[in-house]
Amino acid sequence: MNLSKSEVIKIAKLARLSLTAAEISKFQKELSDILNFIEQLKTIDTANVKPTSQITGLENIERKDEVNYNFTREEILASALEQAEGHLKVKNVF
């Protein structure tokens, strides 16, 4: 499958890219090569291939979410830059 220059220009416009004439010619060839490779992949028989999402055998490692600190309220407030009425005072986010 070979893309025409007008098709490359249309794709570039959809992607909001401005291309030079040299870039249009370059991408015309490169995009056509990609599409031709995809056509080759379509010819491969995958009838006996099991679907898979990953092949490494890695699994997520999970741990319980446990609170693990021994600070008192006073120690935390003492290390704060600012405090007000027994609470940490921070800058506005908005």
C-alpha atoms as a PDB file:
ATOM      1  CA  MET A   1       0.000   0.000   0.000  1.00  0.00           C
ATOM      2  CA  ASN A   2       1.456   3.342  -1.027  1.00  0.00           C
ATOM      3  CA  LEU A   3       0.145   6.568   0.410  1.00  0.00           C
ATOM      4  CA  SER A   4      -0.274   9.545  -1.870  1.00  0.00           C
ATOM      5  CA  LYS A   5       1.099  12.964  -1.015  1.00  0.00           C
ATOM      6  CA  SER A   6      -2.428  14.230  -0.453  1.00  0.00           C
ATOM      7  CA  GLU A   7      -3.046  11.443   2.099  1.00  0.00           C
ATOM      8  CA  VAL A   8       0.145  12.365   3.968  1.00  0.00           C
ATOM      9  CA  ILE A   9      -0.906  16.023   3.950  1.00  0.00           C
ATOM     10  CA  LYS A  10      -4.329  15.040   5.307  1.00  0.00           C
ATOM     11  CA  ILE A  11      -2.736  12.939   8.096  1.00  0.00           C
ATOM     12  CA  ALA A  12      -0.397  15.820   8.962  1.00  0.00           C
ATOM     13  CA  LYS A  13      -3.328  18.211   9.090  1.00  0.00           C
ATOM     14  CA  LEU A  14      -5.236  15.869  11.435  1.00  0.00           C
ATOM     15  CA  ALA A  15      -2.138  15.703  13.648  1.00  0.00           C
ATOM     16  CA  ARG A  16      -1.796  19.496  13.405  1.00  0.00           C
ATOM     17  CA  LEU A  17       1.670  19.246  11.884  1.00  0.00           C
ATOM     18  CA  SER A  18       3.061  21.519   9.237  1.00  0.00           C
ATOM     19  CA  LEU A  19       5.399  19.649   6.915  1.00  0.00           C
ATOM     20  CA  THR A  20       7.854  20.801   4.301  1.00  0.00           C
ATOM     21  CA  ALA A  21       7.853  19.246   0.826  1.00  0.00           C
ATOM     22  CA  ALA A  22      10.887  17.146   1.790  1.00  0.00           C
ATOM     23  CA  GLU A  23       9.144  15.907   4.941  1.00  0.00           C
ATOM     24  CA  ILE A  24       6.015  15.010   2.965  1.00  0.00           C
ATOM     25  CA  SER A  25       8.089  12.846   0.605  1.00  0.00           C
ATOM     26  CA  LYS A  26       9.987  11.288   3.519  1.00  0.00           C
ATOM     27  CA  PHE A  27       6.836  10.454   5.480  1.00  0.00           C
ATOM     28  CA  GLN A  28       5.075   9.234   2.349  1.00  0.00           C
ATOM     29  CA  LYS A  29       7.713   6.508   2.022  1.00  0.00           C
ATOM     30  CA  GLU A  30       8.010   5.769   5.763  1.00  0.00           C
ATOM     31  CA  LEU A  31       4.256   5.554   6.390  1.00  0.00           C
ATOM     32  CA  SER A  32       3.805   3.383   3.294  1.00  0.00           C
ATOM     33  CA  ASP A  33       6.553   1.039   4.575  1.00  0.00           C
ATOM     34  CA  ILE A  34       4.807   0.783   7.954  1.00  0.00           C
ATOM     35  CA  LEU A  35       1.464  -0.018   6.330  1.00  0.00           C
ATOM     36  CA  ASN A  36       3.104  -2.636   4.099  1.00  0.00           C
ATOM     37  CA  PHE A  37       4.698  -4.270   7.150  1.00  0.00           C
ATOM     38  CA  ILE A  38       1.309  -4.378   8.869  1.00  0.00           C
ATOM     39  CA  GLU A  39      -0.115  -6.118   5.797  1.00  0.00           C
ATOM     40  CA  GLN A  40       2.671  -8.716   6.097  1.00  0.00           C
ATOM     41  CA  LEU A  41       1.773  -9.278   9.762  1.00  0.00           C
ATOM     42  CA  LYS A  42      -1.847  -9.918   8.800  1.00  0.00           C
ATOM     43  CA  THR A  43      -0.751 -12.982   6.793  1.00  0.00           C
ATOM     44  CA  ILE A  44       0.716 -14.764   9.858  1.00  0.00           C
ATOM     45  CA  ASP A  45      -1.346 -17.696  11.134  1.00  0.00           C
ATOM     46  CA  THR A  46      -2.092 -17.054  14.815  1.00  0.00           C
ATOM     47  CA  ALA A  47      -4.904 -19.600  15.193  1.00  0.00           C
ATOM     48  CA  ASN A  48      -2.990 -21.736  17.715  1.00  0.00           C
ATOM     49  CA  VAL A  49      -1.390 -18.874  19.644  1.00  0.00           C
ATOM     50  CA  LYS A  50      -2.827 -18.245  23.097  1.00  0.00           C
ATOM     51  CA  PRO A  51      -3.639 -14.621  23.941  1.00  0.00           C
ATOM     52  CA  THR A  52      -1.258 -13.068  26.452  1.00  0.00           C
ATOM     53  CA  SER A  53      -0.823  -9.708  28.079  1.00  0.00           C
ATOM     54  CA  GLN A  54       2.800 -10.242  29.120  1.00  0.00           C
ATOM     55  CA  ILE A  55       5.430 -12.954  28.742  1.00  0.00           C
ATOM     56  CA  THR A  56       7.949 -12.294  31.501  1.00  0.00           C
ATOM     57  CA  GLY A  57       6.139 -14.128  34.287  1.00  0.00           C
ATOM     58  CA  LEU A  58       6.493 -11.143  36.577  1.00  0.00           C
ATOM     59  CA  GLU A  59       3.765 -10.584  39.136  1.00  0.00           C
ATOM     60  CA  ASN A  60       2.784  -7.553  41.162  1.00  0.00           C
ATOM     61  CA  ILE A  61       4.246  -7.504  44.629  1.00  0.00           C
ATOM     62  CA  GLU A  62       1.733  -6.245  47.125  1.00  0.00           C
ATOM     63  CA  ARG A  63       2.041  -5.479  50.797  1.00  0.00           C
ATOM     64  CA  LYS A  64      -0.388  -4.391  53.444  1.00  0.00           C
ATOM     65  CA  ASP A  65      -0.706  -0.658  53.890  1.00  0.00           C
ATOM     66  CA  GLU A  66       0.255  -0.283  57.519  1.00  0.00           C
ATOM     67  CA  VAL A  67       0.988   2.845  59.513  1.00  0.00           C
ATOM     68  CA  ASN A  68       4.559   2.528  60.685  1.00  0.00           C
ATOM     69  CA  TYR A  69       5.660   5.607  62.591  1.00  0.00           C
ATOM     70  CA  ASN A  70       6.068   6.493  66.224  1.00  0.00           C
ATOM     71  CA  PHE A  71       5.919  10.284  66.221  1.00  0.00           C
ATOM     72  CA  THR A  72       3.816  12.192  68.679  1.00  0.00           C
ATOM     73  CA  ARG A  73       1.627  15.069  67.606  1.00  0.00           C
ATOM     74  CA  GLU A  74       3.923  17.454  69.450  1.00  0.00           C
ATOM     75  CA  GLU A  75       7.040  16.146  67.622  1.00  0.00           C
ATOM     76  CA  ILE A  76       5.354  16.606  64.259  1.00  0.00           C
ATOM     77  CA  LEU A  77       4.143  20.125  65.080  1.00  0.00           C
ATOM     78  CA  ALA A  78       7.591  21.033  66.451  1.00  0.00           C
ATOM     79  CA  SER A  79       9.201  20.175  63.107  1.00  0.00           C
ATOM     80  CA  ALA A  80       6.626  22.109  61.052  1.00  0.00           C
ATOM     81  CA  LEU A  81       7.549  25.403  59.428  1.00  0.00           C
ATOM     82  CA  GLU A  82       4.233  26.896  60.512  1.00  0.00           C
ATOM     83  CA  GLN A  83       1.337  25.789  62.675  1.00  0.00           C
ATOM     84  CA  ALA A  84      -1.985  27.222  63.669  1.00  0.00           C
ATOM     85  CA  GLU A  85      -4.362  26.039  66.381  1.00  0.00           C
ATOM     86  CA  GLY A  86      -2.590  22.694  66.748  1.00  0.00           C
ATOM     87  CA  HIS A  87      -2.568  21.934  63.010  1.00  0.00           C
ATOM     88  CA  LEU A  88       0.087  22.081  60.299  1.00  0.00           C
ATOM     89  CA  LYS A  89      -0.186  25.245  58.230  1.00  0.00           C
ATOM     90  CA  VAL A  90       0.656  24.931  54.543  1.00  0.00           C
ATOM     91  CA  LYS A  91       0.547  27.233  51.528  1.00  0.00           C
ATOM     92  CA  ASN A  92      -2.617  27.377  49.438  1.00  0.00           C
ATOM     93  CA  VAL A  93      -2.709  24.890  46.594  1.00  0.00           C
ATOM     94  CA  PHE A  94      -4.848  27.036  44.320  1.00  0.00           C
END
